[in-house]
């Protein structure tokens, strides 16, 4: 009987100490000052950076200057390497980042599902998926990797540019040296299309194009425009072949350590900043295209028949990657 009473007393004491520690941690987090660092892949003239500036401003205002966010364009915190940036975010050496899910594929190949070839035709098909089951499933995978997703931005539909000729069919891609993101799905995809794919950090792309080390690259309009690729590329094909979402991500351990009030602040303002970036990107794209055309870029939009040839050519990618992505995740992105 005495032993039972002692065990109950010990359990009660342990529970009280645990609750006290949790309460103490929460109390300590309340009103805490933060000096945080955020990495952005591209330049300070991009919509990504504008959204990061909005987040910085809103956090400072709503916390009365208690939360300071320092911004670093062009992946300065990781030596220009986007892969190292998401690894740093996952490990906590970087606090926040704005990165593409394509780059997250370095941590887990399932992230590549969002950019599966010719999965979406337009943003009208994209938005319900990210606001629904597909977006929720990605957030769960991000959490597994130590990242708390504050919101989804938009890099946009990826288009292909080159300095050789118009691209209207897979035959026009034969032997083209194309810079692609450094994940195996894109390597497999571009090999199926007959190109000579090469990987390099984005900070090296302009010089490689200028020097003729590569013939072309693929990126959404905002990146092409903000990186001034019209200076080194003549042709662009608007084929919407791969959608590229962005994650406004925060180190999960940092997020979990914050007070409930600060968590709510980051969740609310982070989503607002991500939504703002999407709005900006879509508003600016038509103007950016017009300015790229004025600068001499030659635009080509494939017909439905021409797109069908590209879609047929990349079917082996689905055959290989459905099991890697997971059928349930792929179906969620198909809206099924």
Protein backbone atom coordinates (compact mmCIF):
# COMPACT_ATOMS: atom_id res chain seq x y z
CA UNK A 1 0.00 0.00 0.00
CA UNK A 2 2.82 2.40 0.95
CA UNK A 3 4.60 1.52 -2.30
CA UNK A 4 1.46 2.31 -4.30
CA UNK A 5 1.07 5.66 -2.56
CA UNK A 6 4.71 6.46 -3.19
CA UNK A 7 4.38 5.61 -6.93
CA UNK A 8 1.26 7.78 -7.24
CA UNK A 9 3.00 10.65 -5.49
CA UNK A 10 6.04 10.30 -7.74
CA UNK A 11 3.85 10.26 -10.86
CA UNK A 12 1.98 13.34 -9.68
CA UNK A 13 5.25 15.14 -8.98
CA UNK A 14 6.64 14.19 -12.42
CA UNK A 15 3.49 15.42 -14.14
CA UNK A 16 3.58 18.67 -12.18
CA UNK A 17 7.23 19.21 -13.07
CA UNK A 18 6.52 18.48 -16.74
CA UNK A 19 3.56 20.85 -16.85
CA UNK A 20 5.60 23.44 -15.02
CA UNK A 21 8.44 23.09 -17.52
CA UNK A 22 6.05 23.44 -20.48
CA UNK A 23 4.41 26.44 -18.87
CA UNK A 24 7.82 27.91 -18.13
CA UNK A 25 8.95 27.36 -21.75
CA UNK A 26 5.81 29.06 -23.05
CA UNK A 27 6.23 31.95 -20.64
CA UNK A 28 9.87 32.35 -21.64
CA UNK A 29 8.92 32.42 -25.34
CA UNK A 30 6.34 35.17 -24.83
CA UNK A 31 7.67 38.59 -25.70
CA UNK A 32 11.00 37.14 -26.87
CA UNK A 33 13.05 39.18 -29.33
CA UNK A 34 14.15 37.53 -32.56
CA UNK A 35 16.85 38.41 -35.10
CA UNK A 36 16.18 36.00 -37.93
CA UNK A 37 17.80 35.39 -41.31
CA UNK A 38 15.84 34.61 -44.47
CA UNK A 39 17.30 33.35 -47.73
CA UNK A 40 15.73 34.05 -51.15
CA UNK A 41 16.93 32.14 -54.22
CA UNK A 42 16.78 34.94 -56.75
CA UNK A 43 17.56 38.67 -56.93
CA UNK A 44 16.09 41.56 -55.01
CA UNK A 45 14.20 42.62 -58.14
CA UNK A 46 12.03 39.49 -58.04
CA UNK A 47 8.50 39.04 -56.70
CA UNK A 48 9.97 36.53 -54.24
CA UNK A 49 12.04 39.25 -52.63
CA UNK A 50 9.15 41.72 -52.64
CA UNK A 51 7.06 39.21 -50.68
CA UNK A 52 9.94 38.65 -48.25
CA UNK A 53 10.13 42.42 -47.74
CA UNK A 54 6.41 42.48 -46.97
CA UNK A 55 6.86 39.72 -44.38
CA UNK A 56 9.80 41.58 -42.80
CA UNK A 57 7.81 44.82 -42.60
CA UNK A 58 4.62 43.20 -41.27
CA UNK A 59 6.47 41.19 -38.61
CA UNK A 60 8.31 44.29 -37.39
CA UNK A 61 5.12 46.36 -37.26
CA UNK A 62 2.93 43.79 -35.53
CA UNK A 63 5.61 42.85 -32.99
CA UNK A 64 6.61 46.48 -32.29
CA UNK A 65 10.11 45.77 -33.60
CA UNK A 66 10.55 42.65 -31.45
CA UNK A 67 10.89 40.38 -34.52
CA UNK A 68 13.54 41.42 -37.03
CA UNK A 69 13.97 39.60 -40.31
CA UNK A 70 17.16 40.11 -42.30
CA UNK A 71 16.86 39.24 -46.00
CA UNK A 72 19.55 37.73 -48.24
CA UNK A 73 18.97 37.56 -52.01
CA UNK A 74 20.68 35.15 -54.44
CA UNK A 75 21.20 32.49 -51.75
CA UNK A 76 24.00 34.50 -50.12
CA UNK A 77 23.65 32.42 -46.95
CA UNK A 78 24.52 29.22 -48.81
CA UNK A 79 27.10 30.42 -51.33
CA UNK A 80 24.56 30.61 -54.14
CA UNK A 81 23.53 26.96 -53.67
CA UNK A 82 19.75 26.47 -53.31
CA UNK A 83 20.19 22.86 -52.21
CA UNK A 84 22.36 23.92 -49.31
CA UNK A 85 19.78 26.58 -48.44
CA UNK A 86 16.96 24.07 -47.89
CA UNK A 87 19.35 21.76 -46.05
CA UNK A 88 20.29 24.70 -43.82
CA UNK A 89 16.62 25.48 -43.23
CA UNK A 90 15.92 21.86 -42.31
CA UNK A 91 18.87 21.79 -39.87
CA UNK A 92 18.18 25.24 -38.42
CA UNK A 93 21.29 27.08 -39.62
CA UNK A 94 18.92 29.27 -41.72
CA UNK A 95 15.67 30.46 -40.15
CA UNK A 96 13.43 31.05 -43.17
CA UNK A 97 13.67 30.58 -46.93
CA UNK A 98 11.67 31.09 -50.08
CA UNK A 99 12.51 28.04 -52.19
CA UNK A 100 10.98 25.95 -54.92
CA UNK A 101 9.67 22.46 -54.15
CA UNK A 102 12.00 21.35 -56.95
CA UNK A 103 14.93 22.19 -54.67
CA UNK A 104 13.25 20.36 -51.78
CA UNK A 105 13.45 17.22 -53.93
CA UNK A 106 17.07 17.04 -52.79
CA UNK A 107 15.71 16.21 -49.32
CA UNK A 108 12.93 13.91 -50.55
CA UNK A 109 12.02 12.93 -54.12
CA UNK A 110 8.30 13.09 -53.30
CA UNK A 111 8.44 16.89 -53.61
CA UNK A 112 8.98 16.44 -57.34
CA UNK A 113 5.33 15.47 -57.80
CA UNK A 114 4.28 19.13 -57.81
CA UNK A 115 6.35 19.70 -60.97
CA UNK A 116 5.47 16.50 -62.82
CA UNK A 117 5.52 17.14 -66.59
CA UNK A 118 2.35 18.55 -68.15
CA UNK A 119 0.38 17.86 -64.95
CA UNK A 120 -1.45 21.22 -65.00
CA UNK A 121 -2.66 23.27 -67.94
CA UNK A 122 -3.21 26.54 -66.08
CA UNK A 123 -3.20 28.22 -62.68
CA UNK A 124 -6.97 27.58 -62.50
CA UNK A 125 -6.09 23.91 -62.06
CA UNK A 126 -3.18 24.63 -59.70
CA UNK A 127 -4.89 26.70 -57.00
CA UNK A 128 -7.49 24.16 -55.74
CA UNK A 129 -4.78 21.50 -55.41
CA UNK A 130 -2.48 23.63 -53.23
CA UNK A 131 -5.37 24.95 -51.18
CA UNK A 132 -6.60 21.41 -50.65
CA UNK A 133 -5.38 17.85 -50.17
CA UNK A 134 -2.23 18.15 -52.29
CA UNK A 135 -0.99 21.19 -50.38
CA UNK A 136 -1.78 19.55 -47.03
CA UNK A 137 0.10 16.39 -47.95
CA UNK A 138 3.16 18.44 -48.98
CA UNK A 139 3.04 20.30 -45.64
CA UNK A 140 3.15 16.96 -43.82
CA UNK A 141 6.23 15.88 -45.77
CA UNK A 142 7.88 19.27 -45.10
CA UNK A 143 7.23 18.81 -41.37
CA UNK A 144 8.96 15.41 -41.55
CA UNK A 145 12.00 17.25 -42.92
CA UNK A 146 12.06 19.84 -40.15
CA UNK A 147 10.31 22.61 -42.09
CA UNK A 148 7.09 24.41 -41.15
CA UNK A 149 5.31 25.72 -44.26
CA UNK A 150 3.87 29.20 -43.77
CA UNK A 151 2.43 29.36 -47.29
CA UNK A 152 2.84 28.54 -50.95
CA UNK A 153 4.15 31.02 -53.48
CA UNK A 154 4.49 30.70 -57.21
CA UNK A 155 7.56 30.53 -59.35
CA UNK A 156 5.12 29.71 -62.12
CA UNK A 157 5.03 27.52 -65.18
CA UNK A 158 8.50 26.74 -66.44
CA UNK A 159 9.31 27.71 -70.03
CA UNK A 160 12.38 26.82 -72.08
CA UNK A 161 14.80 29.32 -73.62
CA UNK A 162 17.74 28.77 -75.92
CA UNK A 163 20.12 30.55 -78.28
CA UNK A 164 19.79 28.16 -81.26
CA UNK A 165 16.29 27.99 -82.71
CA UNK A 166 12.54 27.80 -82.06
CA UNK A 167 11.39 24.69 -80.23
CA UNK A 168 8.16 23.27 -81.68
CA UNK A 169 8.67 19.52 -81.26
CA UNK A 170 10.89 17.02 -79.43
CA UNK A 171 13.06 16.89 -82.59
CA UNK A 172 14.01 20.53 -82.04
CA UNK A 173 15.47 19.61 -78.64
CA UNK A 174 17.87 16.99 -79.99
CA UNK A 175 21.37 17.54 -78.62
CA UNK A 176 20.51 20.88 -77.02
CA UNK A 177 22.67 21.56 -73.96
CA UNK A 178 20.09 22.64 -71.37
CA UNK A 179 20.71 23.67 -67.79
CA UNK A 180 18.19 22.00 -65.47
CA UNK A 181 17.69 21.92 -61.69
CA UNK A 182 19.85 19.31 -60.01
CA UNK A 183 17.29 16.59 -59.38
CA UNK A 184 17.03 13.23 -61.11
CA UNK A 185 13.42 13.69 -62.29
CA UNK A 186 14.44 16.58 -64.53
CA UNK A 187 17.52 14.72 -65.75
CA UNK A 188 15.35 11.75 -66.73
CA UNK A 189 12.74 14.05 -68.28
CA UNK A 190 15.20 15.95 -70.46
CA UNK A 191 16.96 12.80 -71.56
CA UNK A 192 13.60 11.43 -72.71
CA UNK A 193 13.20 14.66 -74.72
CA UNK A 194 16.57 14.08 -76.39
CA UNK A 195 18.58 16.92 -74.87
CA UNK A 196 21.99 16.96 -73.23
CA UNK A 197 20.94 18.08 -69.73
CA UNK A 198 23.40 19.65 -67.33
CA UNK A 199 23.07 20.82 -63.74
CA UNK A 200 24.61 23.88 -62.13
CA UNK A 201 23.64 26.37 -59.45
CA UNK A 202 21.43 29.10 -60.84
CA UNK A 203 23.95 31.81 -59.94
CA UNK A 204 26.26 30.35 -62.65
CA UNK A 205 23.65 30.16 -65.43
CA UNK A 206 23.93 33.65 -66.94
CA UNK A 207 27.70 33.35 -67.42
CA UNK A 208 27.39 29.81 -68.83
CA UNK A 209 24.82 31.02 -71.38
CA UNK A 210 26.94 34.06 -72.21
CA UNK A 211 30.02 31.93 -72.82
CA UNK A 212 28.11 29.27 -74.78
CA UNK A 213 28.88 26.49 -72.30
CA UNK A 214 25.17 25.70 -72.47
CA UNK A 215 22.59 26.48 -75.17
CA UNK A 216 19.56 27.00 -73.02
CA UNK A 217 17.79 26.77 -69.69
CA UNK A 218 14.25 26.46 -68.36
CA UNK A 219 12.56 28.69 -65.79
CA UNK A 220 9.37 30.65 -65.24
CA UNK A 221 8.99 34.13 -66.74
CA UNK A 222 9.66 35.96 -63.46
CA UNK A 223 13.08 34.33 -63.10
CA UNK A 224 13.94 34.81 -66.78
CA UNK A 225 12.99 38.47 -66.51
CA UNK A 226 14.57 39.31 -63.15
CA UNK A 227 17.79 37.52 -64.16
CA UNK A 228 17.98 39.43 -67.49
CA UNK A 229 18.31 36.21 -69.49
CA UNK A 230 17.01 38.06 -72.57
CA UNK A 231 20.56 39.41 -72.85
CA UNK A 232 21.92 35.91 -73.56
CA UNK A 233 18.90 34.00 -74.95
CA UNK A 234 16.97 34.63 -78.17
CA UNK A 235 14.21 32.00 -78.26
CA UNK A 236 11.56 31.05 -75.71
CA UNK A 237 8.87 28.37 -75.96
CA UNK A 238 5.76 28.90 -73.82
CA UNK A 239 4.84 25.26 -73.22
CA UNK A 240 3.85 25.36 -69.51
CA UNK A 241 5.50 21.98 -69.18
CA UNK A 242 6.11 22.01 -65.43
CA UNK A 243 4.56 24.01 -62.62
CA UNK A 244 6.96 25.37 -60.02
CA UNK A 245 5.51 26.22 -56.60
CA UNK A 246 7.43 27.99 -53.86
CA UNK A 247 7.46 27.18 -50.16
CA UNK A 248 7.72 30.02 -47.68
CA UNK A 249 9.35 27.79 -45.11
CA UNK A 250 10.48 28.24 -41.52
CA UNK A 251 12.68 25.97 -39.47
CA UNK A 252 10.20 23.79 -37.56
CA UNK A 253 12.21 23.59 -34.36
CA UNK A 254 12.36 27.39 -34.24
CA UNK A 255 8.63 27.65 -34.95
CA UNK A 256 7.77 25.05 -32.31
CA UNK A 257 9.83 26.93 -29.71
CA UNK A 258 7.76 30.09 -30.10
CA UNK A 259 4.80 31.27 -28.06
CA UNK A 260 1.32 30.52 -29.41
CA UNK A 261 0.93 34.22 -30.20
CA UNK A 262 4.12 34.31 -32.28
CA UNK A 263 3.20 31.08 -34.06
CA UNK A 264 -0.13 32.63 -35.03
CA UNK A 265 1.68 35.77 -36.18
CA UNK A 266 4.07 33.86 -38.44
CA UNK A 267 1.31 31.62 -39.82
CA UNK A 268 -0.96 34.55 -40.64
CA UNK A 269 1.67 36.95 -41.99
CA UNK A 270 3.55 34.19 -43.78
CA UNK A 271 0.44 33.10 -45.66
CA UNK A 272 -0.34 36.73 -46.52
CA UNK A 273 3.19 37.23 -47.87
CA UNK A 274 3.03 34.04 -49.95
CA UNK A 275 -0.40 34.99 -51.34
CA UNK A 276 0.94 38.46 -52.11
CA UNK A 277 3.83 36.96 -54.08
CA UNK A 278 1.42 34.85 -56.16
CA UNK A 279 -0.73 37.90 -56.88
CA UNK A 280 2.32 39.97 -57.85
CA UNK A 281 3.77 37.25 -60.08
CA UNK A 282 0.51 36.82 -61.99
CA UNK A 283 -0.04 40.56 -62.35
CA UNK A 284 3.49 41.17 -63.60
CA UNK A 285 3.83 38.28 -66.03
CA UNK A 286 2.06 39.93 -68.99
CA UNK A 287 4.17 43.07 -68.60
CA UNK A 288 7.35 41.03 -68.22
CA UNK A 289 6.57 39.07 -71.41
CA UNK A 290 5.97 42.32 -73.31
CA UNK A 291 9.29 43.73 -72.10
CA UNK A 292 11.15 40.53 -72.98
CA UNK A 293 9.66 40.67 -76.48
CA UNK A 294 10.63 44.34 -76.79
CA UNK A 295 14.18 43.34 -75.83
CA UNK A 296 14.29 40.93 -78.76
CA UNK A 297 13.22 37.55 -77.37
CA UNK A 298 11.22 35.50 -79.87
CA UNK A 299 8.22 33.79 -78.26
CA UNK A 300 6.57 30.61 -79.55
CA UNK A 301 3.44 28.91 -78.15
CA UNK A 302 3.02 25.28 -79.29
CA UNK A 303 -0.30 24.05 -80.71
CA UNK A 304 -2.29 21.29 -78.97
CA UNK A 305 -0.96 18.81 -81.53
CA UNK A 306 2.63 19.85 -80.83
CA UNK A 307 2.08 19.65 -77.07
CA UNK A 308 0.72 16.12 -77.51
CA UNK A 309 4.09 15.07 -78.97
CA UNK A 310 5.93 16.39 -75.90
CA UNK A 311 3.45 14.73 -73.53
CA UNK A 312 3.87 11.39 -75.26
CA UNK A 313 7.65 11.68 -75.11
CA UNK A 314 7.69 12.12 -71.31
CA UNK A 315 5.34 9.26 -70.36
CA UNK A 316 8.29 7.09 -69.20
CA UNK A 317 8.83 9.67 -66.44
CA UNK A 318 5.41 8.79 -64.98
CA UNK A 319 6.14 5.09 -65.34
CA UNK A 320 9.30 5.51 -63.28
CA UNK A 321 8.21 8.09 -60.71
CA UNK A 322 4.65 7.15 -59.74
CA UNK A 323 6.01 4.66 -57.19
CA UNK A 324 8.64 7.15 -55.97
CA UNK A 325 6.10 9.96 -55.46
CA UNK A 326 3.40 7.61 -54.22
CA UNK A 327 0.14 7.01 -56.08
CA UNK A 328 -1.94 8.75 -53.39
CA UNK A 329 0.17 11.91 -53.56
CA UNK A 330 0.14 11.94 -57.36
CA UNK A 331 -3.64 11.46 -57.40
CA UNK A 332 -4.04 14.37 -54.96
CA UNK A 333 -2.12 16.55 -57.41
CA UNK A 334 -4.23 15.29 -60.27
CA UNK A 335 -7.26 16.41 -58.28
CA UNK A 336 -8.53 12.85 -57.96
